């Protein structure tokens, strides 16, 4: 008889976490890696989560952010292993085709947003994606990135300012001059 069976409740906790977060984690991965790699990233993230189930936060929202952090690390490790140390690139979700055909203004906005998005730094894209696309609050997003909530809020503020500037909603920031 093997002594490798999981402690009582551990398996149920993992299954509950898996069922509650799989779709979100899959979307998280799909926005960051090619579709062909996303499933592998999710599988690897859940493998790590299984091994570390006892470390998972009790609150579902916090556990979700914890899983995003695991997935992010899997992505970064995958890229390092392939000698592609690019920062995480985030893809914009596609607008529904019917909406694009019905509203020329929406098309123009999507084109402007897509162009502005592509001009943002990877750091700004990631901060905006965690807050907007992944719906994480500052402490959760900070946990994903391994930084403090204050540092994340600052990063997000700068990302929003950069996006507004690229969309023409703000004048371009001017360099600060300090008296010598």
N, C-alpha and C. Protein backbone atom coordinates (compact mmCIF):
# COMPACT_ATOMS: atom_id res chain seq x y z
N UNK A 1 0.84 -1.18 0.00
CA UNK A 1 0.00 0.00 0.00
C UNK A 1 0.89 1.24 0.00
N UNK A 2 0.55 2.23 -0.82
CA UNK A 2 1.37 3.42 -0.99
C UNK A 2 1.00 4.50 0.03
N UNK A 3 1.99 5.23 0.46
CA UNK A 3 1.78 6.36 1.36
C UNK A 3 1.72 7.68 0.58
N UNK A 4 1.45 7.63 -0.73
CA UNK A 4 1.48 8.83 -1.56
C UNK A 4 0.10 9.40 -1.83
N UNK A 5 -0.92 8.99 -1.13
CA UNK A 5 -2.25 9.57 -1.36
C UNK A 5 -2.31 10.94 -0.69
N UNK A 6 -3.05 11.88 -1.33
CA UNK A 6 -3.12 13.23 -0.79
C UNK A 6 -3.88 13.26 0.53
N UNK A 7 -3.53 14.22 1.40
CA UNK A 7 -4.25 14.35 2.67
C UNK A 7 -5.74 14.60 2.41
N UNK A 8 -6.60 14.21 3.32
CA UNK A 8 -8.04 14.43 3.14
C UNK A 8 -8.34 15.91 2.92
N UNK A 9 -9.18 16.20 1.94
CA UNK A 9 -9.57 17.58 1.65
C UNK A 9 -8.68 18.29 0.65
N UNK A 10 -7.44 17.87 0.53
CA UNK A 10 -6.51 18.54 -0.38
C UNK A 10 -6.96 18.37 -1.83
N UNK A 11 -7.32 17.15 -2.18
CA UNK A 11 -7.76 16.90 -3.55
C UNK A 11 -9.03 17.68 -3.86
N UNK A 12 -9.98 17.68 -2.93
CA UNK A 12 -11.22 18.41 -3.15
C UNK A 12 -10.96 19.91 -3.31
N UNK A 13 -10.04 20.42 -2.50
CA UNK A 13 -9.71 21.85 -2.60
C UNK A 13 -9.11 22.17 -3.96
N UNK A 14 -8.20 21.31 -4.43
CA UNK A 14 -7.59 21.53 -5.74
C UNK A 14 -8.64 21.45 -6.84
N UNK A 15 -9.50 20.45 -6.79
CA UNK A 15 -10.54 20.29 -7.82
C UNK A 15 -11.45 21.52 -7.83
N UNK A 16 -11.82 22.00 -6.66
CA UNK A 16 -12.65 23.21 -6.59
C UNK A 16 -11.95 24.41 -7.20
N UNK A 17 -10.67 24.57 -6.90
CA UNK A 17 -9.89 25.67 -7.46
C UNK A 17 -9.77 25.52 -8.98
N UNK A 18 -9.51 24.33 -9.43
CA UNK A 18 -9.41 24.06 -10.87
C UNK A 18 -10.70 24.43 -11.58
N UNK A 19 -11.82 23.93 -11.07
CA UNK A 19 -13.12 24.19 -11.71
C UNK A 19 -13.49 25.67 -11.69
N UNK A 20 -13.12 26.37 -10.64
CA UNK A 20 -13.49 27.79 -10.51
C UNK A 20 -12.60 28.71 -11.34
N UNK A 21 -11.39 28.27 -11.68
CA UNK A 21 -10.43 29.19 -12.30
C UNK A 21 -9.92 28.76 -13.67
N UNK A 22 -10.24 27.57 -14.12
CA UNK A 22 -9.64 27.09 -15.38
C UNK A 22 -9.87 28.05 -16.54
N UNK A 23 -11.13 28.47 -16.75
CA UNK A 23 -11.43 29.33 -17.90
C UNK A 23 -10.66 30.65 -17.82
N UNK A 24 -10.60 31.26 -16.62
CA UNK A 24 -9.87 32.51 -16.46
C UNK A 24 -8.38 32.31 -16.73
N UNK A 25 -7.83 31.22 -16.23
CA UNK A 25 -6.41 30.97 -16.43
C UNK A 25 -6.11 30.70 -17.91
N UNK A 26 -7.02 30.02 -18.58
CA UNK A 26 -6.83 29.77 -20.02
C UNK A 26 -6.83 31.09 -20.80
N UNK A 27 -7.77 31.99 -20.48
CA UNK A 27 -7.79 33.29 -21.15
C UNK A 27 -6.53 34.09 -20.83
N UNK A 28 -6.10 34.03 -19.58
CA UNK A 28 -4.86 34.70 -19.17
C UNK A 28 -3.70 34.23 -20.05
N UNK A 29 -3.57 32.94 -20.21
CA UNK A 29 -2.47 32.38 -21.02
C UNK A 29 -2.64 32.72 -22.49
N UNK A 30 -3.86 32.65 -23.00
CA UNK A 30 -4.10 32.91 -24.42
C UNK A 30 -3.77 34.34 -24.83
N UNK A 31 -3.86 35.27 -23.89
CA UNK A 31 -3.52 36.66 -24.20
C UNK A 31 -2.01 36.89 -24.19
N UNK A 32 -1.25 35.94 -23.70
CA UNK A 32 0.17 36.14 -23.53
C UNK A 32 1.07 35.26 -24.39
N UNK A 33 0.54 34.17 -24.87
CA UNK A 33 1.34 33.26 -25.69
C UNK A 33 0.52 32.84 -26.90
N UNK A 34 1.18 32.32 -27.93
CA UNK A 34 0.44 31.80 -29.07
C UNK A 34 -0.56 30.72 -28.61
N UNK A 35 -1.68 30.64 -29.28
CA UNK A 35 -2.75 29.72 -28.89
C UNK A 35 -2.26 28.29 -28.73
N UNK A 36 -1.32 27.88 -29.57
CA UNK A 36 -0.82 26.51 -29.50
C UNK A 36 -0.08 26.24 -28.18
N UNK A 37 0.45 27.27 -27.55
CA UNK A 37 1.19 27.10 -26.29
C UNK A 37 0.31 27.29 -25.06
N UNK A 38 -0.82 27.96 -25.20
CA UNK A 38 -1.63 28.33 -24.04
C UNK A 38 -2.07 27.13 -23.21
N UNK A 39 -2.51 26.08 -23.87
CA UNK A 39 -2.97 24.90 -23.14
C UNK A 39 -1.84 24.27 -22.33
N UNK A 40 -0.64 24.24 -22.91
CA UNK A 40 0.51 23.69 -22.19
C UNK A 40 0.87 24.54 -20.98
N UNK A 41 0.77 25.85 -21.13
CA UNK A 41 1.05 26.77 -20.02
C UNK A 41 0.06 26.52 -18.89
N UNK A 42 -1.22 26.40 -19.22
CA UNK A 42 -2.26 26.16 -18.21
C UNK A 42 -2.03 24.82 -17.52
N UNK A 43 -1.72 23.79 -18.29
CA UNK A 43 -1.47 22.47 -17.71
C UNK A 43 -0.29 22.51 -16.75
N UNK A 44 0.79 23.17 -17.16
CA UNK A 44 1.96 23.28 -16.30
C UNK A 44 1.65 24.10 -15.04
N UNK A 45 0.88 25.16 -15.20
CA UNK A 45 0.51 25.99 -14.04
C UNK A 45 -0.31 25.17 -13.04
N UNK A 46 -1.24 24.37 -13.53
CA UNK A 46 -2.04 23.55 -12.62
C UNK A 46 -1.21 22.42 -12.00
N UNK A 47 -0.21 21.95 -12.70
CA UNK A 47 0.68 20.94 -12.12
C UNK A 47 1.43 21.55 -10.93
N UNK A 48 1.95 22.75 -11.13
CA UNK A 48 2.63 23.45 -10.03
C UNK A 48 1.64 23.72 -8.90
N UNK A 49 0.43 24.15 -9.26
CA UNK A 49 -0.59 24.43 -8.24
C UNK A 49 -0.94 23.17 -7.46
N UNK A 50 -1.01 22.03 -8.13
CA UNK A 50 -1.30 20.77 -7.43
C UNK A 50 -0.21 20.49 -6.40
N UNK A 51 1.03 20.67 -6.81
CA UNK A 51 2.15 20.42 -5.90
C UNK A 51 2.13 21.38 -4.72
N UNK A 52 1.61 22.58 -4.95
CA UNK A 52 1.63 23.62 -3.92
C UNK A 52 0.23 23.98 -3.42
N UNK A 53 -0.72 23.08 -3.53
CA UNK A 53 -2.09 23.35 -3.13
C UNK A 53 -2.18 23.91 -1.71
N UNK A 54 -1.35 23.41 -0.83
CA UNK A 54 -1.38 23.88 0.56
C UNK A 54 -0.96 25.35 0.68
N UNK A 55 -0.26 25.88 -0.32
CA UNK A 55 0.17 27.28 -0.31
C UNK A 55 -0.88 28.22 -0.90
N UNK A 56 -1.92 27.67 -1.53
CA UNK A 56 -2.93 28.49 -2.19
C UNK A 56 -3.71 29.31 -1.16
N UNK A 57 -3.93 30.59 -1.46
CA UNK A 57 -4.73 31.43 -0.56
C UNK A 57 -6.16 30.86 -0.42
N UNK A 58 -6.77 31.11 0.71
CA UNK A 58 -8.11 30.59 0.98
C UNK A 58 -9.18 31.28 0.13
N UNK A 59 -9.08 32.60 -0.03
CA UNK A 59 -10.07 33.35 -0.79
C UNK A 59 -9.90 33.06 -2.29
N UNK A 60 -11.01 32.80 -2.98
CA UNK A 60 -10.94 32.44 -4.39
C UNK A 60 -10.27 33.53 -5.23
N UNK A 61 -10.60 34.80 -5.00
CA UNK A 61 -10.00 35.88 -5.79
C UNK A 61 -8.48 35.91 -5.60
N UNK A 62 -8.03 35.69 -4.38
CA UNK A 62 -6.59 35.67 -4.11
C UNK A 62 -5.94 34.42 -4.70
N UNK A 63 -6.64 33.29 -4.65
CA UNK A 63 -6.12 32.06 -5.23
C UNK A 63 -6.01 32.19 -6.75
N UNK A 64 -6.97 32.90 -7.34
CA UNK A 64 -6.96 33.15 -8.79
C UNK A 64 -5.71 33.96 -9.16
N UNK A 65 -5.43 35.01 -8.41
CA UNK A 65 -4.23 35.82 -8.66
C UNK A 65 -2.97 34.98 -8.45
N UNK A 66 -2.99 34.11 -7.43
CA UNK A 66 -1.87 33.22 -7.16
C UNK A 66 -1.61 32.32 -8.37
N UNK A 67 -2.68 31.78 -8.96
CA UNK A 67 -2.55 30.95 -10.16
C UNK A 67 -2.03 31.76 -11.35
N UNK A 68 -2.50 33.00 -11.50
CA UNK A 68 -1.99 33.85 -12.57
C UNK A 68 -0.48 34.05 -12.40
N UNK A 69 -0.04 34.21 -11.17
CA UNK A 69 1.39 34.35 -10.91
C UNK A 69 2.16 33.11 -11.29
N UNK A 70 1.60 31.96 -10.97
CA UNK A 70 2.23 30.70 -11.36
C UNK A 70 2.30 30.60 -12.88
N UNK A 71 1.19 30.90 -13.55
CA UNK A 71 1.16 30.83 -15.02
C UNK A 71 2.17 31.81 -15.62
N UNK A 72 2.25 32.99 -15.05
CA UNK A 72 3.20 33.98 -15.55
C UNK A 72 4.62 33.44 -15.43
N UNK A 73 4.94 32.83 -14.30
CA UNK A 73 6.28 32.26 -14.12
C UNK A 73 6.54 31.11 -15.09
N UNK A 74 5.53 30.30 -15.36
CA UNK A 74 5.67 29.22 -16.34
C UNK A 74 5.97 29.83 -17.72
N UNK A 75 5.25 30.88 -18.06
CA UNK A 75 5.48 31.54 -19.35
C UNK A 75 6.91 32.07 -19.42
N UNK A 76 7.33 32.76 -18.39
CA UNK A 76 8.69 33.32 -18.39
C UNK A 76 9.74 32.23 -18.45
N UNK A 77 9.52 31.16 -17.71
CA UNK A 77 10.48 30.04 -17.75
C UNK A 77 10.51 29.39 -19.12
N UNK A 78 9.36 29.25 -19.75
CA UNK A 78 9.29 28.68 -21.09
C UNK A 78 10.07 29.54 -22.08
N UNK A 79 9.89 30.83 -21.96
CA UNK A 79 10.59 31.74 -22.87
C UNK A 79 12.10 31.73 -22.62
N UNK A 80 12.49 31.68 -21.36
CA UNK A 80 13.92 31.63 -21.05
C UNK A 80 14.53 30.36 -21.63
N UNK A 81 13.81 29.26 -21.45
CA UNK A 81 14.30 27.98 -21.94
C UNK A 81 14.46 27.98 -23.43
N UNK A 82 13.64 28.73 -24.12
CA UNK A 82 13.72 28.81 -25.58
C UNK A 82 14.58 29.98 -26.03
N UNK A 83 15.27 30.61 -25.07
CA UNK A 83 16.14 31.76 -25.35
C UNK A 83 15.39 32.92 -25.99
N UNK A 84 14.13 33.03 -25.62
CA UNK A 84 13.34 34.16 -26.10
C UNK A 84 12.95 34.97 -24.87
N UNK A 85 13.78 35.88 -24.44
CA UNK A 85 13.52 36.62 -23.22
C UNK A 85 12.78 37.93 -23.53
N UNK A 86 11.72 37.77 -24.28
CA UNK A 86 10.89 38.94 -24.56
C UNK A 86 9.96 39.15 -23.37
N UNK A 87 9.58 40.38 -23.14
CA UNK A 87 8.59 40.65 -22.09
C UNK A 87 7.25 40.09 -22.54
N UNK A 88 6.36 39.89 -21.61
CA UNK A 88 5.06 39.31 -21.92
C UNK A 88 4.29 40.28 -22.81
N UNK A 89 3.84 39.78 -23.97
CA UNK A 89 3.04 40.58 -24.88
C UNK A 89 1.58 40.20 -24.71
N UNK A 90 0.72 41.18 -24.69
CA UNK A 90 -0.70 40.94 -24.44
C UNK A 90 -1.47 41.31 -25.69
N UNK A 91 -2.36 40.42 -26.09
CA UNK A 91 -3.18 40.68 -27.28
C UNK A 91 -4.51 41.29 -26.87
N UNK A 92 -4.96 42.23 -27.67
CA UNK A 92 -6.29 42.80 -27.44
C UNK A 92 -7.34 41.78 -27.83
N UNK A 93 -8.38 41.74 -27.06
CA UNK A 93 -9.50 40.86 -27.42
C UNK A 93 -10.17 41.43 -28.67
N UNK A 94 -10.61 40.56 -29.53
CA UNK A 94 -11.26 41.01 -30.76
C UNK A 94 -12.68 41.48 -30.47
N UNK A 95 -13.05 42.56 -31.13
CA UNK A 95 -14.43 43.05 -31.02
C UNK A 95 -15.32 42.13 -31.85
N UNK A 96 -16.57 41.93 -31.44
CA UNK A 96 -17.47 41.10 -32.24
C UNK A 96 -17.62 41.66 -33.65
N UNK A 97 -17.61 40.78 -34.62
CA UNK A 97 -17.69 41.22 -36.02
C UNK A 97 -18.96 42.01 -36.31
N UNK A 98 -20.08 41.63 -35.75
CA UNK A 98 -21.33 42.34 -36.04
C UNK A 98 -21.24 43.78 -35.57
N UNK A 99 -20.59 44.00 -34.42
CA UNK A 99 -20.45 45.36 -33.92
C UNK A 99 -19.55 46.17 -34.85
N UNK A 100 -18.53 45.55 -35.38
CA UNK A 100 -17.62 46.26 -36.28
C UNK A 100 -18.33 46.68 -37.56
N UNK A 101 -19.21 45.86 -38.06
CA UNK A 101 -19.91 46.18 -39.30
C UNK A 101 -20.99 47.23 -39.06
N UNK A 102 -21.55 47.29 -37.86
CA UNK A 102 -22.65 48.20 -37.57
C UNK A 102 -22.21 49.60 -37.22
N UNK A 103 -20.99 49.79 -36.79
CA UNK A 103 -20.61 51.08 -36.25
C UNK A 103 -19.21 51.48 -36.73
N UNK A 104 -19.16 52.38 -37.69
CA UNK A 104 -17.89 52.83 -38.24
C UNK A 104 -17.04 53.51 -37.17
N UNK A 105 -17.68 54.23 -36.24
CA UNK A 105 -16.94 54.89 -35.17
C UNK A 105 -16.23 53.86 -34.28
N UNK A 106 -16.92 52.74 -34.02
CA UNK A 106 -16.32 51.69 -33.21
C UNK A 106 -15.10 51.11 -33.93
N UNK A 107 -15.20 50.95 -35.23
CA UNK A 107 -14.07 50.44 -36.01
C UNK A 107 -12.88 51.39 -35.87
N UNK A 108 -13.13 52.67 -36.02
CA UNK A 108 -12.05 53.66 -35.91
C UNK A 108 -11.43 53.62 -34.51
N UNK A 109 -12.26 53.49 -33.48
CA UNK A 109 -11.76 53.43 -32.11
C UNK A 109 -10.92 52.17 -31.90
N UNK A 110 -11.38 51.04 -32.45
CA UNK A 110 -10.63 49.79 -32.32
C UNK A 110 -9.27 49.91 -33.00
N UNK A 111 -9.24 50.53 -34.17
CA UNK A 111 -7.98 50.71 -34.90
C UNK A 111 -7.04 51.61 -34.10
N UNK A 112 -7.58 52.72 -33.58
CA UNK A 112 -6.76 53.63 -32.77
C UNK A 112 -6.23 52.93 -31.53
N UNK A 113 -7.10 52.17 -30.85
CA UNK A 113 -6.69 51.48 -29.64
C UNK A 113 -5.64 50.42 -29.95
N UNK A 114 -5.84 49.68 -31.03
CA UNK A 114 -4.88 48.65 -31.42
C UNK A 114 -3.52 49.27 -31.71
N UNK A 115 -3.51 50.38 -32.43
CA UNK A 115 -2.26 51.06 -32.77
C UNK A 115 -1.59 51.58 -31.49
N UNK A 116 -2.38 52.22 -30.62
CA UNK A 116 -1.82 52.74 -29.37
C UNK A 116 -1.28 51.60 -28.51
N UNK A 117 -2.05 50.50 -28.46
CA UNK A 117 -1.62 49.35 -27.65
C UNK A 117 -0.27 48.84 -28.11
N UNK A 118 -0.10 48.75 -29.42
CA UNK A 118 1.16 48.21 -29.95
C UNK A 118 2.34 49.12 -29.65
N UNK A 119 2.09 50.38 -29.38
CA UNK A 119 3.16 51.33 -29.07
C UNK A 119 3.51 51.37 -27.59
N UNK A 120 2.65 50.78 -26.75
CA UNK A 120 2.94 50.74 -25.31
C UNK A 120 4.10 49.79 -25.03
N UNK A 121 4.81 50.05 -23.97
CA UNK A 121 5.86 49.12 -23.56
C UNK A 121 5.21 47.84 -23.05
N UNK A 122 5.98 46.77 -23.02
CA UNK A 122 5.46 45.50 -22.51
C UNK A 122 5.02 45.62 -21.06
N UNK A 123 5.74 46.41 -20.28
CA UNK A 123 5.41 46.61 -18.87
C UNK A 123 4.05 47.29 -18.75
N UNK A 124 3.80 48.31 -19.59
CA UNK A 124 2.52 49.00 -19.56
C UNK A 124 1.40 48.08 -20.04
N UNK A 125 1.63 47.31 -21.08
CA UNK A 125 0.62 46.37 -21.56
C UNK A 125 0.25 45.38 -20.46
N UNK A 126 1.24 44.86 -19.78
CA UNK A 126 0.98 43.86 -18.75
C UNK A 126 0.18 44.45 -17.59
N UNK A 127 0.53 45.65 -17.15
CA UNK A 127 -0.20 46.29 -16.05
C UNK A 127 -1.66 46.52 -16.43
N UNK A 128 -1.89 47.05 -17.61
CA UNK A 128 -3.27 47.29 -18.06
C UNK A 128 -4.03 45.98 -18.22
N UNK A 129 -3.39 44.97 -18.75
CA UNK A 129 -4.05 43.68 -18.95
C UNK A 129 -4.46 43.05 -17.62
N UNK A 130 -3.58 43.10 -16.63
CA UNK A 130 -3.91 42.52 -15.33
C UNK A 130 -5.09 43.24 -14.69
N UNK A 131 -5.13 44.56 -14.82
CA UNK A 131 -6.20 45.34 -14.19
C UNK A 131 -7.50 45.27 -14.98
N UNK A 132 -7.43 45.35 -16.30
CA UNK A 132 -8.64 45.47 -17.11
C UNK A 132 -9.09 44.12 -17.67
N UNK A 133 -8.21 43.43 -18.35
CA UNK A 133 -8.61 42.18 -18.99
C UNK A 133 -8.74 41.03 -18.00
N UNK A 134 -7.85 40.99 -17.00
CA UNK A 134 -7.88 39.90 -16.03
C UNK A 134 -8.65 40.25 -14.77
N UNK A 135 -9.07 41.52 -14.65
CA UNK A 135 -9.92 41.99 -13.55
C UNK A 135 -9.32 41.71 -12.17
N UNK A 136 -8.03 42.01 -12.03
CA UNK A 136 -7.37 41.83 -10.74
C UNK A 136 -7.26 43.18 -10.04
N UNK A 137 -7.42 43.19 -8.72
CA UNK A 137 -7.20 44.42 -7.97
C UNK A 137 -5.69 44.58 -7.78
N UNK A 138 -5.29 45.72 -7.21
CA UNK A 138 -3.85 46.02 -7.10
C UNK A 138 -3.08 44.97 -6.29
N UNK A 139 -3.58 44.55 -5.12
CA UNK A 139 -2.81 43.53 -4.39
C UNK A 139 -2.68 42.21 -5.17
N UNK A 140 -3.74 41.82 -5.87
CA UNK A 140 -3.70 40.57 -6.63
C UNK A 140 -2.74 40.70 -7.81
N UNK A 141 -2.84 41.81 -8.56
CA UNK A 141 -1.94 42.02 -9.70
C UNK A 141 -0.49 42.11 -9.23
N UNK A 142 -0.28 42.77 -8.10
CA UNK A 142 1.07 42.88 -7.55
C UNK A 142 1.63 41.50 -7.21
N UNK A 143 0.76 40.63 -6.69
CA UNK A 143 1.19 39.26 -6.37
C UNK A 143 1.61 38.52 -7.63
N UNK A 144 0.88 38.74 -8.73
CA UNK A 144 1.23 38.09 -10.01
C UNK A 144 2.63 38.53 -10.44
N UNK A 145 2.92 39.82 -10.28
CA UNK A 145 4.19 40.37 -10.75
C UNK A 145 5.32 40.25 -9.73
N UNK A 146 4.97 39.92 -8.50
CA UNK A 146 5.99 39.83 -7.47
C UNK A 146 6.48 41.20 -7.00
N UNK A 147 5.58 42.20 -7.03
CA UNK A 147 5.93 43.54 -6.56
C UNK A 147 4.91 43.98 -5.52
N UNK A 148 5.13 45.12 -4.92
CA UNK A 148 4.20 45.61 -3.89
C UNK A 148 2.96 46.21 -4.56
N UNK A 149 1.83 46.23 -3.86
CA UNK A 149 0.63 46.88 -4.41
C UNK A 149 0.87 48.35 -4.77
N UNK A 150 1.66 49.04 -3.98
CA UNK A 150 1.96 50.45 -4.27
C UNK A 150 2.73 50.55 -5.60
N UNK A 151 3.70 49.68 -5.78
CA UNK A 151 4.47 49.68 -7.03
C UNK A 151 3.56 49.35 -8.21
N UNK A 152 2.61 48.42 -8.02
CA UNK A 152 1.70 48.10 -9.11
C UNK A 152 0.81 49.29 -9.44
N UNK A 153 0.27 49.96 -8.41
CA UNK A 153 -0.60 51.12 -8.65
C UNK A 153 0.15 52.20 -9.43
N UNK A 154 1.40 52.42 -9.09
CA UNK A 154 2.22 53.39 -9.81
C UNK A 154 2.43 52.96 -11.25
N UNK A 155 2.73 51.69 -11.45
CA UNK A 155 2.93 51.14 -12.80
C UNK A 155 1.64 51.28 -13.62
N UNK A 156 0.50 50.97 -13.00
CA UNK A 156 -0.78 51.07 -13.70
C UNK A 156 -1.11 52.52 -14.04
N UNK A 157 -0.84 53.42 -13.13
CA UNK A 157 -1.08 54.84 -13.38
C UNK A 157 -0.26 55.33 -14.57
N UNK A 158 0.99 54.94 -14.61
CA UNK A 158 1.86 55.33 -15.73
C UNK A 158 1.38 54.70 -17.04
N UNK A 159 0.93 53.46 -16.97
CA UNK A 159 0.43 52.79 -18.17
C UNK A 159 -0.83 53.48 -18.70
N UNK A 160 -1.74 53.83 -17.80
CA UNK A 160 -2.96 54.54 -18.22
C UNK A 160 -2.62 55.89 -18.84
N UNK A 161 -1.68 56.60 -18.22
CA UNK A 161 -1.28 57.91 -18.75
C UNK A 161 -0.66 57.75 -20.14
N UNK A 162 0.17 56.73 -20.30
CA UNK A 162 0.80 56.49 -21.60
C UNK A 162 -0.25 56.15 -22.66
N UNK A 163 -1.22 55.33 -22.30
CA UNK A 163 -2.27 54.96 -23.26
C UNK A 163 -3.10 56.18 -23.63
N UNK A 164 -3.49 56.98 -22.64
CA UNK A 164 -4.27 58.20 -22.93
C UNK A 164 -3.48 59.12 -23.85
N UNK A 165 -2.20 59.26 -23.60
CA UNK A 165 -1.35 60.11 -24.43
C UNK A 165 -1.31 59.59 -25.87
N UNK A 166 -1.14 58.29 -26.02
CA UNK A 166 -1.09 57.71 -27.37
C UNK A 166 -2.42 57.82 -28.10
N UNK A 167 -3.51 57.85 -27.35
CA UNK A 167 -4.83 57.99 -27.96
C UNK A 167 -5.18 59.46 -28.21
N UNK A 168 -4.29 60.36 -27.81
CA UNK A 168 -4.53 61.78 -28.02
C UNK A 168 -5.46 62.39 -26.99
N UNK A 169 -5.63 61.74 -25.85
CA UNK A 169 -6.51 62.24 -24.81
C UNK A 169 -5.77 63.13 -23.82
N UNK A 170 -4.49 63.20 -23.92
CA UNK A 170 -3.65 64.03 -23.04
C UNK A 170 -2.51 64.59 -23.88
N UNK A 171 -2.00 65.74 -23.51
CA UNK A 171 -0.78 66.17 -24.18
C UNK A 171 0.36 65.22 -23.81
N UNK A 172 1.28 65.06 -24.70
CA UNK A 172 2.43 64.18 -24.42
C UNK A 172 3.17 64.72 -23.21
N UNK A 173 3.61 63.81 -22.32
CA UNK A 173 4.34 64.27 -21.14
C UNK A 173 5.64 64.96 -21.53
N UNK A 174 5.95 66.05 -20.82
CA UNK A 174 7.19 66.75 -21.09
C UNK A 174 8.18 66.38 -20.00
N UNK A 175 9.45 66.30 -20.34
CA UNK A 175 10.45 65.96 -19.33
C UNK A 175 10.52 67.05 -18.25
N UNK A 176 10.66 66.59 -17.03
CA UNK A 176 10.78 67.55 -15.92
C UNK A 176 12.19 68.10 -15.91
N UNK A 177 12.28 69.40 -15.63
CA UNK A 177 13.60 70.03 -15.55
C UNK A 177 13.81 70.46 -14.10
N UNK A 178 14.92 70.06 -13.59
CA UNK A 178 15.26 70.43 -12.22
C UNK A 178 16.33 71.52 -12.27
N UNK A 179 16.16 72.54 -11.41
CA UNK A 179 17.20 73.59 -11.40
C UNK A 179 18.54 73.02 -10.98
N UNK A 180 19.58 73.48 -11.64
CA UNK A 180 20.93 72.98 -11.33
C UNK A 180 21.54 73.74 -10.20
